[in-house]
Each structure stands twice: as structure tokens, then as C-alpha cells.
């Protein structure tokens, strides 16, 4: 059985081709503002309820 010869230049050429290709990077996903706005509204409602309770005591 013969020992297969591995061409070290083949890997270098493949790496250079990989490093030089210009693929556009994936744009970051835009986060939805629904959750932060919902949390802010809930906090305002809780603070208003506490303030109303304290004023009516």
C-alpha cells in the first residue's frame, strides 16, 4: 500500500480562497420594542396604584 501524498499547498490555497471571499455579514436582527414598552407601562401602572393607595389612606 502506498502512503497517500498530501499536498500542503492545497490547504493553503483553500484557506486563502476562504479568507479572500467577500460575503456580506448578516445584519443584526432588529429587536422588538413591545416587551420593553409593556414593562414600562406595567411599572407606571404599579407606581400609580401605589401612589393612589397612599393618597387615599
Foldseek 3Di string as FASTA:
>chain_A
DDDDDDDPVVVVVVVVVVVPDDDDDDDDDDDDCPVVVVVVVVVVVVVVVVVVVVVVD
